[in-house]
Amino acid sequence: RQAFLDGAFTVPGDGCIDFEPIIFSLKEINYNGWIVVEAEQDPAKANPLIYAKKGYKYLKDLLIKSGVEIINDK
């Protein structure tokens, strides 16, 4: 709990991990499953809805760039 209160975690697109090679690898193996964004920051410092939307947009943009078909975009 203290780690996320201290800001150790963030959503894709906000941290230091480059998700592009991961998304392209999923494309190469024809991955057909869920991708989930969790926003586990201190809500007093980072609004969970705003950060979840930020991570979602970042991953969606990478999926589109890689040519992965997005089936249930809600």
Protein backbone atom coordinates (compact mmCIF):
# COMPACT_ATOMS: atom_id res chain seq x y z
CA ARG A 1 0.00 0.00 0.00
CA GLN A 2 2.76 2.41 0.88
CA ALA A 3 4.42 1.89 -2.50
CA PHE A 4 1.45 3.16 -4.47
CA LEU A 5 0.91 5.98 -1.97
CA ASP A 6 4.54 6.97 -2.61
CA GLY A 7 3.96 6.98 -6.38
CA ALA A 8 5.87 3.80 -7.27
CA PHE A 9 3.23 2.78 -9.83
CA THR A 10 1.58 4.56 -12.71
CA VAL A 11 -0.31 3.76 -15.90
CA PRO A 12 1.20 2.89 -19.28
CA GLY A 13 2.42 6.00 -21.04
CA ASP A 14 3.20 7.82 -17.82
CA GLY A 15 6.11 5.76 -16.54
CA CYS A 16 9.47 4.61 -17.84
CA ILE A 17 8.43 1.31 -19.50
CA ASP A 18 8.36 1.31 -23.30
CA PHE A 19 5.24 -0.69 -24.13
CA GLU A 20 5.67 -0.47 -27.91
CA PRO A 21 7.88 -3.57 -28.23
CA ILE A 22 5.48 -5.47 -25.97
CA ILE A 23 2.47 -4.55 -28.12
CA PHE A 24 4.34 -5.47 -31.31
CA SER A 25 5.30 -8.82 -29.75
CA LEU A 26 1.65 -9.48 -28.94
CA LYS A 27 0.84 -8.76 -32.57
CA GLU A 28 3.51 -11.20 -33.76
CA ILE A 29 2.09 -14.05 -31.69
CA ASN A 30 -1.51 -13.22 -32.65
CA TYR A 31 -2.47 -12.55 -29.03
CA ASN A 32 -6.23 -12.70 -28.61
CA GLY A 33 -7.09 -11.67 -25.08
CA TRP A 34 -7.59 -8.86 -22.66
CA ILE A 35 -5.33 -5.91 -21.96
CA VAL A 36 -6.21 -4.23 -18.67
CA VAL A 37 -5.20 -0.82 -17.33
CA GLU A 38 -5.02 -0.43 -13.57
CA ALA A 39 -4.63 2.99 -12.00
CA GLU A 40 -3.27 2.39 -8.51
CA GLN A 41 -2.02 5.78 -7.48
CA ASP A 42 -2.87 7.83 -4.44
CA PRO A 43 -6.20 9.40 -5.48
CA ALA A 44 -5.25 12.55 -3.62
CA LYS A 45 -2.29 12.95 -6.00
CA ALA A 46 -3.54 11.34 -9.23
CA ASN A 47 -7.21 11.13 -10.18
CA PRO A 48 -7.85 7.43 -10.94
CA LEU A 49 -10.29 8.09 -13.80
CA ILE A 50 -7.98 10.56 -15.52
CA TYR A 51 -5.02 8.20 -15.22
CA ALA A 52 -7.00 5.14 -16.33
CA LYS A 53 -8.12 7.07 -19.41
CA LYS A 54 -4.53 8.19 -20.05
CA GLY A 55 -3.23 4.61 -19.91
CA TYR A 56 -6.11 3.36 -22.05
CA LYS A 57 -5.49 5.98 -24.74
CA TYR A 58 -1.76 5.27 -24.78
CA LEU A 59 -2.26 1.51 -25.20
CA LYS A 60 -5.08 1.93 -27.72
CA ASP A 61 -2.87 4.21 -29.84
CA LEU A 62 -0.08 1.60 -29.75
CA LEU A 63 -2.50 -1.18 -30.69
CA ILE A 64 -3.76 0.83 -33.65
CA LYS A 65 -0.17 1.65 -34.68
CA SER A 66 0.77 -2.03 -34.58
CA GLY A 67 -2.29 -3.09 -36.55
CA VAL A 68 -3.89 -5.08 -33.75
CA GLU A 69 -7.65 -5.37 -34.17
CA ILE A 70 -9.53 -3.88 -31.22
CA ILE A 71 -12.75 -5.83 -30.83
CA ASN A 72 -14.60 -4.48 -27.81
CA ASP A 73 -13.60 -0.83 -27.47
CA LYS A 74 -15.82 0.43 -24.66
